[in-house]
Amino acid sequence: MPGRKYKINLLVVFFVLFSFSCINPVYPTEMFLQHSITLVMFACLIIVIIKNSLSDRSFTIIVLFLLLHLIGARWIYSNVPYKEWFSFIMGELFPALNSSGRNHYDRFVHLMFGLMLFYPIREACEKWAGCPSRLSGIFAFLIITCCSLFYEVFEWGLTLVLSPQDAEDYNGQQGDMWDAQKDMALAFTGAIINLLANVLKRKLRMT
């Protein structure tokens, strides 16, 4: 079936990268806890391949987002060395990256959650639930914001069962008491940008 072979190849590449990322982890307990989400999404993608129920574009976007999560899980979001990577690649072009301060990789991924997953979720609403195209964007926006809220509640729940240090390593608050609210705001921002762009695109088509 068209598109299925591409999806299989892409998922195989992702699985190889996933396997390599799990070698000699710095924070093994926290990394495997992070990958509970990865495994759930991996199972969902297998179902998508079997049914071939999403476009190649949506499938690719989901895998790319999971790669961002893979990086965060490997180093634990609070310790992703993106500053060192940019310094190595760009040299002194971006001296601000060399300054100490909060690691913002987790904030970046929350924003990407809203920006990247809007399209696949909107397509799923239309194909899986029969949602009209004029409403699918609104449902995608609501799903993203609800998932963001649920995840922050999930992180809070972990703090009740993990040790304080393990909870901090997983949650990555880095001393910011408003971390959960800021993370949700970034996912909301990414989703609302897509929703407004979707509405504008529909209006331009109607003119």
Protein backbone atom coordinates (compact mmCIF):
# COMPACT_ATOMS: atom_id res chain seq x y z
CA MET A 1 0.00 0.00 0.00
CA PRO A 2 1.39 3.50 -0.87
CA GLY A 3 3.10 5.16 2.06
CA ARG A 4 3.36 2.03 4.22
CA LYS A 5 6.90 1.13 3.13
CA TYR A 6 8.07 4.68 3.81
CA LYS A 7 6.54 4.60 7.28
CA ILE A 8 8.15 1.25 8.08
CA ASN A 9 11.59 2.47 6.98
CA LEU A 10 11.21 5.65 9.00
CA LEU A 11 10.15 3.75 12.10
CA VAL A 12 13.10 1.36 11.72
CA VAL A 13 15.49 4.32 11.58
CA PHE A 14 13.85 5.76 14.67
CA PHE A 15 14.14 2.43 16.51
CA VAL A 16 17.87 2.23 15.68
CA LEU A 17 18.44 5.75 17.00
CA PHE A 18 16.34 4.93 20.06
CA SER A 19 18.46 1.83 20.74
CA PHE A 20 21.74 3.76 20.44
CA SER A 21 20.42 6.50 22.73
CA CYS A 22 19.86 3.95 25.50
CA ILE A 23 23.52 2.86 25.62
CA ASN A 24 25.29 3.89 28.86
CA PRO A 25 22.70 6.45 29.99
CA VAL A 26 23.79 9.15 32.41
CA TYR A 27 20.52 8.93 34.35
CA PRO A 28 19.21 5.40 33.66
CA THR A 29 16.18 5.48 35.97
CA GLU A 30 14.96 8.85 34.72
CA MET A 31 15.73 8.01 31.09
CA PHE A 32 13.69 4.82 31.07
CA LEU A 33 10.89 6.62 32.86
CA GLN A 34 10.93 9.23 30.10
CA HIS A 35 10.80 6.45 27.53
CA SER A 36 7.50 5.16 28.87
CA ILE A 37 6.01 7.86 26.63
CA THR A 38 8.27 6.82 23.75
CA LEU A 39 7.12 3.20 23.92
CA VAL A 40 3.44 4.19 23.98
CA MET A 41 3.93 6.39 20.92
CA PHE A 42 5.97 3.66 19.21
CA ALA A 43 3.08 1.21 19.67
CA CYS A 44 0.65 3.81 18.28
CA LEU A 45 2.85 4.32 15.22
CA ILE A 46 2.91 0.58 14.57
CA ILE A 47 -0.90 0.61 14.57
CA VAL A 48 -0.85 3.56 12.18
CA ILE A 49 1.44 1.60 9.85
CA ILE A 50 -0.79 -1.47 9.95
CA LYS A 51 -3.88 0.57 9.12
CA ASN A 52 -1.97 3.15 7.05
CA SER A 53 -4.34 5.66 8.61
CA LEU A 54 -2.21 8.81 8.54
CA SER A 55 -0.40 10.61 5.75
CA ASP A 56 3.37 10.35 5.33
CA ARG A 57 3.59 14.00 6.32
CA SER A 58 1.86 13.48 9.66
CA PHE A 59 3.84 10.32 10.35
CA THR A 60 7.12 12.13 9.64
CA ILE A 61 6.21 15.03 11.90
CA ILE A 62 5.40 12.67 14.78
CA VAL A 63 8.71 10.82 14.37
CA LEU A 64 10.65 14.10 14.24
CA PHE A 65 8.98 15.22 17.46
CA LEU A 66 9.84 11.89 19.08
CA LEU A 67 13.47 12.46 18.08
CA LEU A 68 13.40 15.71 20.05
CA HIS A 69 12.02 13.74 22.98
CA LEU A 70 14.73 11.12 22.44
CA ILE A 71 17.40 13.78 22.93
CA GLY A 72 15.67 15.06 26.06
CA ALA A 73 15.37 11.56 27.51
CA ARG A 74 18.99 10.70 26.76
CA TRP A 75 20.45 13.64 28.64
CA ILE A 76 17.41 14.37 30.81
CA TYR A 77 15.82 17.60 29.66
CA SER A 78 17.60 19.76 32.23
CA ASN A 79 21.04 18.68 30.99
CA VAL A 80 20.78 18.59 27.19
CA PRO A 81 24.09 20.17 26.10
CA TYR A 82 22.64 22.29 23.30
CA LYS A 83 24.78 25.28 24.33
CA GLU A 84 27.93 23.24 23.81
CA TRP A 85 26.62 21.97 20.45
CA PHE A 86 25.90 25.48 19.20
CA SER A 87 29.24 26.75 20.51
CA PHE A 88 31.05 23.93 18.70
CA ILE A 89 29.19 24.57 15.43
CA MET A 90 28.92 28.37 15.50
CA GLY A 91 32.03 29.23 17.47
CA GLU A 92 31.79 32.76 18.84
CA LEU A 93 28.88 33.84 16.63
CA PHE A 94 26.45 33.36 19.53
CA PRO A 95 28.39 34.23 22.71
CA ALA A 96 25.16 34.42 24.73
CA LEU A 97 24.86 30.64 24.43
CA ASN A 98 28.05 30.27 26.45
CA SER A 99 26.58 32.04 29.44
CA SER A 100 25.39 30.03 32.38
CA GLY A 101 21.72 29.91 33.27
CA ARG A 102 18.63 27.80 32.88
CA ASN A 103 18.61 24.99 30.36
CA HIS A 104 15.68 25.79 28.07
CA TYR A 105 15.55 22.57 26.05
CA ASP A 106 12.41 21.40 27.86
CA ARG A 107 10.70 24.71 27.10
CA PHE A 108 11.67 24.34 23.44
CA VAL A 109 10.13 20.84 23.25
CA HIS A 110 6.89 22.02 24.90
CA LEU A 111 6.64 24.73 22.24
CA MET A 112 7.35 22.17 19.52
CA PHE A 113 4.62 19.95 20.96
CA GLY A 114 2.09 22.62 20.08
CA LEU A 115 3.71 23.61 16.79
CA MET A 116 4.52 20.17 15.37
CA LEU A 117 1.72 17.90 16.53
CA PHE A 118 -1.16 20.18 15.58
CA TYR A 119 -1.24 18.95 11.98
CA PRO A 120 -1.11 15.19 12.75
CA ILE A 121 -3.77 15.54 15.45
CA ARG A 122 -6.00 17.58 13.14
CA GLU A 123 -5.66 14.94 10.46
CA ALA A 124 -6.43 12.18 12.97
CA CYS A 125 -9.57 14.03 14.05
CA GLU A 126 -10.76 14.14 10.45
CA LYS A 127 -9.81 10.60 9.42
CA TRP A 128 -10.40 8.68 12.64
CA ALA A 129 -13.31 10.55 14.19
CA GLY A 130 -14.94 11.95 11.06
CA CYS A 131 -14.58 15.49 12.37
CA PRO A 132 -15.48 18.20 9.81
CA SER A 133 -12.44 20.06 8.55
CA ARG A 134 -13.82 23.37 9.81
CA LEU A 135 -13.80 21.99 13.37
CA SER A 136 -10.75 19.72 13.30
CA GLY A 137 -8.37 22.59 14.06
CA ILE A 138 -10.32 23.53 17.18
CA PHE A 139 -10.31 19.92 18.37
CA ALA A 140 -6.56 19.65 17.69
CA PHE A 141 -6.00 22.80 19.74
CA LEU A 142 -8.09 21.43 22.62
CA ILE A 143 -6.36 18.05 22.54
CA ILE A 144 -2.90 19.63 22.65
CA THR A 145 -3.75 21.89 25.58
CA CYS A 146 -5.46 19.04 27.47
CA CYS A 147 -2.49 16.71 26.88
CA SER A 148 -0.12 19.41 28.08
CA LEU A 149 -2.21 19.86 31.24
CA PHE A 150 -2.40 16.09 31.81
CA TYR A 151 1.38 15.73 31.45
CA GLU A 152 2.07 18.44 34.03
CA VAL A 153 -0.35 16.74 36.44
CA PHE A 154 1.45 13.45 35.71
CA GLU A 155 4.78 15.08 36.60
CA TRP A 156 3.29 16.38 39.84
CA GLY A 157 2.05 12.88 40.64
CA LEU A 158 5.57 11.51 40.18
CA THR A 159 6.88 13.89 42.82
CA LEU A 160 4.65 12.08 45.31
CA VAL A 161 6.28 8.69 44.70
CA LEU A 162 9.87 9.53 43.67
CA SER A 163 12.65 10.82 45.86
CA PRO A 164 13.06 14.62 45.79
CA GLN A 165 16.23 14.36 43.68
CA ASP A 166 14.76 11.85 41.20
CA ALA A 167 11.63 13.99 40.89
CA GLU A 168 13.74 17.08 40.19
CA ASP A 169 15.84 15.24 37.61
CA TYR A 170 12.71 14.03 35.81
CA ASN A 171 10.60 17.18 36.04
CA GLY A 172 13.44 19.58 35.29
CA GLN A 173 11.95 22.53 37.16
CA GLN A 174 15.43 23.88 37.82
CA GLY A 175 14.16 25.89 40.77
CA ASP A 176 11.34 27.60 38.86
CA MET A 177 8.11 27.37 40.84
CA TRP A 178 6.13 28.40 37.72
CA ASP A 179 7.73 25.77 35.48
CA ALA A 180 4.50 23.82 34.88
CA GLN A 181 2.54 26.95 33.97
CA LYS A 182 5.25 28.13 31.57
CA ASP A 183 5.44 24.73 29.90
CA MET A 184 1.68 24.69 29.36
CA ALA A 185 1.77 28.26 28.08
CA LEU A 186 4.37 27.30 25.46
CA ALA A 187 2.35 24.31 24.25
CA PHE A 188 -0.70 26.61 24.15
CA THR A 189 1.28 29.18 22.15
CA GLY A 190 2.37 26.63 19.58
CA ALA A 191 -1.17 25.30 19.22
CA ILE A 192 -2.81 28.73 18.99
CA ILE A 193 -0.34 29.80 16.28
CA ASN A 194 -1.37 26.78 14.23
CA LEU A 195 -5.06 27.32 14.94
CA LEU A 196 -4.94 30.95 13.82
CA ALA A 197 -2.93 30.01 10.73
CA ASN A 198 -5.49 27.32 9.95
CA VAL A 199 -8.39 29.77 10.28
CA LEU A 200 -6.59 32.33 8.10
CA LYS A 201 -5.88 29.69 5.47
CA ARG A 202 -9.55 28.68 5.36
CA LYS A 203 -10.66 32.30 4.99
CA LEU A 204 -8.20 32.88 2.15
CA ARG A 205 -9.57 29.84 0.36
CA MET A 206 -13.11 31.19 0.68
CA THR A 207 -12.21 34.57 -0.83
